[in-house]
N, C-alpha and C. Protein backbone atom coordinates (compact mmCIF):
# COMPACT_ATOMS: atom_id res chain seq x y z
N UNK A 1 42.44 -44.05 -26.60
CA UNK A 1 42.17 -43.68 -25.34
C UNK A 1 43.57 -43.26 -24.35
N UNK A 2 42.76 -42.47 -23.96
CA UNK A 2 43.93 -41.58 -22.85
C UNK A 2 43.67 -41.82 -21.53
N UNK A 3 45.07 -42.45 -20.77
CA UNK A 3 44.49 -42.28 -19.32
C UNK A 3 44.33 -40.72 -18.88
N UNK A 4 43.15 -41.05 -17.97
CA UNK A 4 42.88 -39.57 -17.17
C UNK A 4 43.89 -39.56 -15.99
N UNK A 5 44.61 -40.72 -15.33
CA UNK A 5 45.43 -40.63 -14.69
C UNK A 5 47.13 -39.90 -14.88
N UNK A 6 47.55 -40.38 -16.11
CA UNK A 6 48.89 -39.78 -16.32
C UNK A 6 49.08 -39.52 -17.55
N UNK A 7 48.00 -39.64 -18.06
CA UNK A 7 47.67 -38.83 -19.66
C UNK A 7 48.47 -39.35 -21.36
N UNK A 8 48.92 -40.81 -20.70
CA UNK A 8 49.64 -41.72 -21.95
C UNK A 8 48.64 -41.88 -22.97
N UNK A 9 48.55 -42.02 -23.91
CA UNK A 9 48.06 -42.27 -24.93
C UNK A 9 48.07 -43.38 -25.57
N UNK A 10 46.75 -43.69 -26.61
CA UNK A 10 46.94 -45.34 -27.21
C UNK A 10 46.86 -46.39 -26.86
N UNK A 11 45.80 -46.45 -25.87
CA UNK A 11 45.36 -47.48 -24.30
C UNK A 11 44.11 -48.36 -24.72
N UNK A 12 44.28 -49.72 -24.48
CA UNK A 12 42.80 -49.85 -24.70
C UNK A 12 42.05 -50.40 -23.24
N UNK A 13 43.26 -51.12 -22.63
CA UNK A 13 42.30 -51.47 -21.22
C UNK A 13 42.54 -51.49 -20.17
N UNK A 14 44.01 -51.52 -20.41
CA UNK A 14 44.91 -50.60 -18.92
C UNK A 14 46.29 -49.74 -19.09
N UNK A 15 47.00 -48.81 -18.31
CA UNK A 15 47.47 -48.33 -18.87
C UNK A 15 49.00 -48.68 -18.75
N UNK A 16 49.63 -48.74 -19.55
CA UNK A 16 51.13 -49.37 -19.73
C UNK A 16 52.05 -48.56 -18.77
N UNK A 17 51.85 -47.50 -18.79
CA UNK A 17 52.96 -46.73 -17.59
C UNK A 17 52.38 -46.77 -16.05
N UNK A 18 50.91 -46.30 -15.88
CA UNK A 18 50.78 -46.47 -14.18
C UNK A 18 49.60 -47.75 -13.75
N UNK A 19 49.26 -48.33 -14.78
CA UNK A 19 48.77 -49.79 -14.45
C UNK A 19 47.21 -49.51 -14.27
N UNK A 20 47.02 -48.25 -14.41
CA UNK A 20 45.48 -47.73 -14.02
C UNK A 20 44.50 -48.83 -15.16
N UNK A 21 42.86 -49.51 -14.94
CA UNK A 21 42.20 -49.84 -15.32
C UNK A 21 41.66 -48.81 -15.95
N UNK A 22 41.26 -48.86 -17.41
CA UNK A 22 40.19 -47.29 -17.84
C UNK A 22 38.80 -47.92 -18.09
N UNK A 23 38.62 -49.20 -17.75
CA UNK A 23 37.38 -49.27 -18.22
C UNK A 23 36.31 -48.86 -16.61
N UNK A 24 37.28 -48.93 -15.81
CA UNK A 24 36.32 -48.32 -14.73
C UNK A 24 35.13 -47.13 -15.17
N UNK A 25 34.03 -47.06 -14.27
CA UNK A 25 33.58 -45.46 -14.66
C UNK A 25 33.50 -44.93 -13.28
N UNK A 26 34.25 -43.90 -13.98
CA UNK A 26 34.53 -42.85 -12.94
C UNK A 26 32.78 -42.57 -12.01
N UNK A 27 33.57 -42.16 -10.81
CA UNK A 27 32.35 -41.65 -10.18
C UNK A 27 31.45 -39.83 -10.35
N UNK A 28 30.33 -40.18 -10.43
CA UNK A 28 29.80 -38.64 -11.05
C UNK A 28 29.50 -37.73 -9.63
N UNK A 29 29.98 -36.18 -9.70
CA UNK A 29 29.57 -35.57 -8.67
C UNK A 29 27.68 -35.88 -8.12
N UNK A 30 27.70 -35.56 -7.26
CA UNK A 30 26.09 -35.26 -6.50
C UNK A 30 26.13 -34.17 -6.65
N UNK A 31 24.14 -33.52 -6.72
CA UNK A 31 23.71 -32.95 -6.62
C UNK A 31 23.82 -32.13 -4.98
N UNK A 32 23.84 -32.80 -4.15
CA UNK A 32 23.92 -32.30 -3.16
C UNK A 32 24.53 -33.69 -2.31
N UNK A 33 24.90 -33.59 -1.07
CA UNK A 33 25.41 -34.76 -0.10
C UNK A 33 24.57 -34.17 1.34
N UNK A 34 24.55 -34.66 2.23
CA UNK A 34 23.44 -34.59 3.20
C UNK A 34 24.56 -35.75 4.46
N UNK A 35 24.21 -35.18 5.78
CA UNK A 35 25.08 -35.44 6.59
C UNK A 35 24.21 -37.52 7.10
N UNK A 36 23.44 -37.41 6.47
CA UNK A 36 22.93 -39.07 6.55
C UNK A 36 23.90 -40.05 5.67
N UNK A 37 23.96 -39.23 4.54
CA UNK A 37 25.26 -40.35 3.53
C UNK A 37 26.34 -40.88 4.66
N UNK A 38 26.60 -40.36 5.56
CA UNK A 38 27.73 -40.99 6.61
C UNK A 38 27.48 -42.52 7.09
N UNK A 39 26.34 -42.67 7.27
CA UNK A 39 25.59 -44.07 7.68
C UNK A 39 25.77 -44.88 6.18
N UNK A 40 25.81 -44.55 5.23
CA UNK A 40 26.25 -45.53 4.44
C UNK A 40 26.76 -46.20 4.75
N UNK A 41 27.05 -47.91 3.99
CA UNK A 41 28.33 -48.83 4.21
C UNK A 41 29.48 -48.19 3.56
N UNK A 42 30.47 -49.03 3.82
CA UNK A 42 31.97 -48.45 2.86
C UNK A 42 31.92 -48.88 1.56
N UNK A 43 31.05 -49.97 1.17
CA UNK A 43 30.78 -50.24 -0.75
C UNK A 43 30.51 -49.14 -1.16
N UNK A 44 29.40 -48.35 -0.72
CA UNK A 44 28.45 -47.21 -0.89
C UNK A 44 28.99 -45.84 -0.93
N UNK A 45 30.18 -45.79 0.13
CA UNK A 45 30.62 -44.88 -0.09
C UNK A 45 31.26 -44.36 -0.93
N UNK A 46 32.48 -45.80 -1.55
CA UNK A 46 33.53 -45.91 -2.53
C UNK A 46 33.30 -45.61 -3.71
N UNK A 47 32.10 -45.09 -4.14
CA UNK A 47 31.08 -44.76 -5.42
C UNK A 47 31.09 -43.70 -5.09
N UNK A 48 31.54 -42.80 -4.15
CA UNK A 48 31.25 -41.27 -4.10
C UNK A 48 32.48 -40.14 -4.74
N UNK A 49 32.26 -39.39 -5.40
CA UNK A 49 33.27 -38.78 -5.92
C UNK A 49 33.93 -38.23 -4.87
N UNK A 50 35.06 -37.87 -5.06
CA UNK A 50 35.81 -37.40 -4.15
C UNK A 50 35.58 -35.67 -3.45
N UNK A 51 35.26 -35.32 -4.36
CA UNK A 51 34.56 -33.92 -3.87
C UNK A 51 33.64 -33.86 -2.80
N UNK A 52 32.62 -34.74 -3.26
CA UNK A 52 31.48 -35.40 -2.46
C UNK A 52 32.43 -36.23 -0.88
N UNK A 53 33.12 -36.64 -0.83
CA UNK A 53 33.38 -37.28 0.02
C UNK A 53 34.09 -36.21 0.92
N UNK A 54 34.96 -35.26 0.59
CA UNK A 54 35.58 -33.99 1.05
C UNK A 54 34.30 -32.86 1.78
N UNK A 55 33.30 -32.85 1.14
CA UNK A 55 32.06 -32.30 1.44
C UNK A 55 31.17 -33.14 2.84
N UNK A 56 31.07 -34.13 2.53
CA UNK A 56 31.10 -35.02 3.68
C UNK A 56 31.73 -35.47 4.89
N UNK A 57 32.84 -35.05 4.51
CA UNK A 57 34.22 -35.10 6.14
C UNK A 57 33.45 -33.62 6.47
N UNK A 58 33.59 -32.40 6.15
CA UNK A 58 33.47 -31.14 6.71
C UNK A 58 32.22 -31.30 7.46
N UNK A 59 31.45 -31.65 7.18
CA UNK A 59 30.00 -31.96 7.89
C UNK A 59 30.34 -32.41 8.86
N UNK A 60 30.82 -34.10 8.80
CA UNK A 60 30.76 -34.68 10.23
C UNK A 60 31.82 -33.96 11.15
N UNK A 61 33.15 -33.76 10.37
CA UNK A 61 33.72 -33.00 11.41
C UNK A 61 33.36 -31.94 12.03
N UNK A 62 31.92 -30.81 11.27
CA UNK A 62 31.97 -29.54 12.02
C UNK A 62 30.60 -30.22 13.26
N UNK A 63 30.05 -31.69 12.95
CA UNK A 63 29.13 -32.09 14.01
C UNK A 63 29.74 -32.77 15.03
N UNK A 64 30.92 -33.04 14.97
CA UNK A 64 31.52 -34.12 15.95
C UNK A 64 32.42 -32.84 16.47
N UNK A 65 32.67 -31.72 16.14
CA UNK A 65 33.31 -30.40 16.90
C UNK A 65 31.85 -30.03 17.96
N UNK A 66 31.12 -30.03 17.38
CA UNK A 66 30.09 -29.56 18.42
C UNK A 66 29.44 -30.22 19.48
N UNK A 67 29.54 -31.89 18.95
CA UNK A 67 29.32 -32.81 20.41
C UNK A 67 30.54 -32.72 21.75
N UNK A 68 31.89 -32.32 20.88
CA UNK A 68 33.20 -32.29 21.98
C UNK A 68 32.80 -30.64 22.77
N UNK A 69 32.43 -29.73 22.03
CA UNK A 69 32.33 -28.42 22.56
C UNK A 69 31.45 -28.40 24.07
N UNK A 70 30.26 -29.27 23.85
CA UNK A 70 29.19 -29.47 24.11
C UNK A 70 30.10 -30.63 25.47
N UNK A 71 30.50 -31.21 25.01
CA UNK A 71 31.59 -32.16 26.42
C UNK A 71 32.18 -31.04 27.27
N UNK A 72 32.89 -30.55 26.54
CA UNK A 72 34.01 -29.68 27.35
C UNK A 72 33.09 -28.68 28.28
N UNK A 73 31.86 -28.69 27.51
CA UNK A 73 30.95 -27.03 28.42
C UNK A 73 30.33 -27.85 29.72
N UNK A 74 29.97 -29.19 29.09
CA UNK A 74 29.42 -29.74 30.48
C UNK A 74 30.31 -30.25 31.56
N UNK A 75 31.54 -30.84 31.31
CA UNK A 75 32.77 -30.55 32.10
C UNK A 75 33.11 -29.47 32.93
N UNK A 76 32.79 -28.16 32.59
CA UNK A 76 32.98 -26.79 33.25
C UNK A 76 32.07 -26.88 34.61
N UNK A 77 31.02 -27.29 34.05
CA UNK A 77 29.36 -26.77 34.72
C UNK A 77 29.24 -28.52 35.81
N UNK A 78 29.41 -27.86 36.96
CA UNK A 78 28.89 -29.03 38.24
C UNK A 78 27.57 -28.36 38.74
N UNK A 79 26.30 -28.75 38.09
CA UNK A 79 25.26 -28.57 38.86
C UNK A 79 24.89 -29.60 39.40
N UNK A 80 24.32 -30.16 38.42
CA UNK A 80 23.66 -31.92 39.31
C UNK A 80 24.22 -32.96 38.38
N UNK A 81 25.11 -33.79 39.27
CA UNK A 81 25.89 -34.80 38.90
C UNK A 81 24.87 -35.95 37.74
N UNK A 82 24.17 -36.23 38.44
CA UNK A 82 23.28 -37.21 37.72
C UNK A 82 22.99 -36.77 36.62
N UNK A 83 22.31 -35.28 35.94
CA UNK A 83 21.98 -34.94 34.54
C UNK A 83 23.29 -34.97 34.10
N UNK A 84 24.25 -34.41 34.55
CA UNK A 84 25.49 -34.03 33.78
C UNK A 84 26.33 -35.81 33.30
N UNK A 85 26.10 -36.65 34.12
CA UNK A 85 26.52 -37.48 33.56
C UNK A 85 25.30 -38.42 32.52
N UNK A 86 24.36 -38.68 32.77
CA UNK A 86 23.19 -38.88 31.79
C UNK A 86 23.72 -38.48 30.32
N UNK A 87 23.96 -36.66 30.12
CA UNK A 87 24.07 -36.01 29.08
C UNK A 87 25.61 -36.31 28.91
N UNK A 88 26.44 -36.78 29.33
CA UNK A 88 27.87 -37.29 29.27
C UNK A 88 27.82 -38.47 28.72
N UNK A 89 27.12 -39.13 28.60
CA UNK A 89 26.96 -40.05 28.25
C UNK A 89 26.35 -40.42 27.13
N UNK A 90 25.56 -39.59 26.62
CA UNK A 90 24.76 -38.87 25.93
C UNK A 90 25.31 -38.62 24.52
N UNK A 91 26.27 -37.39 24.99
CA UNK A 91 27.14 -37.01 24.06
C UNK A 91 28.44 -37.68 23.87
N UNK A 92 28.71 -38.69 24.45
CA UNK A 92 30.10 -39.60 23.94
C UNK A 92 29.58 -40.26 23.29
N UNK A 93 27.87 -40.96 23.46
CA UNK A 93 27.47 -42.10 22.27
C UNK A 93 27.60 -41.36 21.10
N UNK A 94 27.30 -39.61 21.05
CA UNK A 94 27.28 -39.14 19.25
C UNK A 94 28.77 -38.72 19.18
N UNK A 95 29.42 -38.33 20.10
CA UNK A 95 30.97 -38.10 19.70
C UNK A 95 31.52 -39.38 18.80
N UNK A 96 31.77 -40.76 19.72
CA UNK A 96 32.65 -41.73 18.73
C UNK A 96 31.60 -42.09 17.54
N UNK A 97 30.98 -42.42 16.97
CA UNK A 97 30.26 -42.93 16.08
C UNK A 97 30.71 -41.96 15.40
N UNK A 98 31.05 -40.69 15.28
CA UNK A 98 31.14 -39.32 14.25
C UNK A 98 32.69 -39.17 13.93
N UNK A 99 33.40 -40.14 15.28
CA UNK A 99 34.88 -39.91 14.86
C UNK A 99 35.47 -41.15 14.04
N UNK A 100 34.71 -42.39 13.63
CA UNK A 100 34.88 -43.49 13.73
C UNK A 100 34.15 -42.95 11.81
N UNK A 101 33.13 -42.59 11.69
CA UNK A 101 33.08 -42.15 10.46
C UNK A 101 33.69 -41.23 9.52
N UNK A 102 34.20 -40.45 10.30
CA UNK A 102 35.19 -39.36 10.07
C UNK A 102 36.59 -39.96 9.69
N UNK A 103 37.25 -41.04 10.21
CA UNK A 103 38.14 -41.79 10.02
C UNK A 103 37.88 -42.50 8.60
N UNK A 104 36.94 -43.42 8.84
CA UNK A 104 36.49 -43.98 7.19
C UNK A 104 36.22 -43.11 6.08
N UNK A 105 35.95 -41.75 6.53
CA UNK A 105 35.92 -41.27 4.95
C UNK A 105 36.94 -40.84 4.76
N UNK A 106 38.19 -39.85 5.59
CA UNK A 106 39.40 -39.66 5.99
C UNK A 106 40.41 -40.49 4.79
N UNK A 107 40.20 -42.32 5.60
CA UNK A 107 41.49 -42.98 5.26
C UNK A 107 40.80 -43.51 3.71
N UNK A 108 39.40 -43.11 3.69
CA UNK A 108 39.07 -43.48 1.58
C UNK A 108 39.56 -42.77 1.13
């Protein structure tokens, strides 16, 4: 068996050079990744392929940017304080979870 991380040959269970466990199944690429996958727990996200996580991270960042841009637009537009406050609270409730999920995916 050849180590897929460092390329050392002639190994059985673990690599003598880098210590990687060679019996672990590597994650497979998914056919598609949707934004709702962000709601999955960390244990399920850890089974995603790296490329799938990058695609998911890009989607989360895009949605987070949209929420932030709307908050900035509301800040500039002072028409009705009550409606603006309700909308601002809604956008804040939308923005913060995207930020947390983005950090979770990015750190993994």
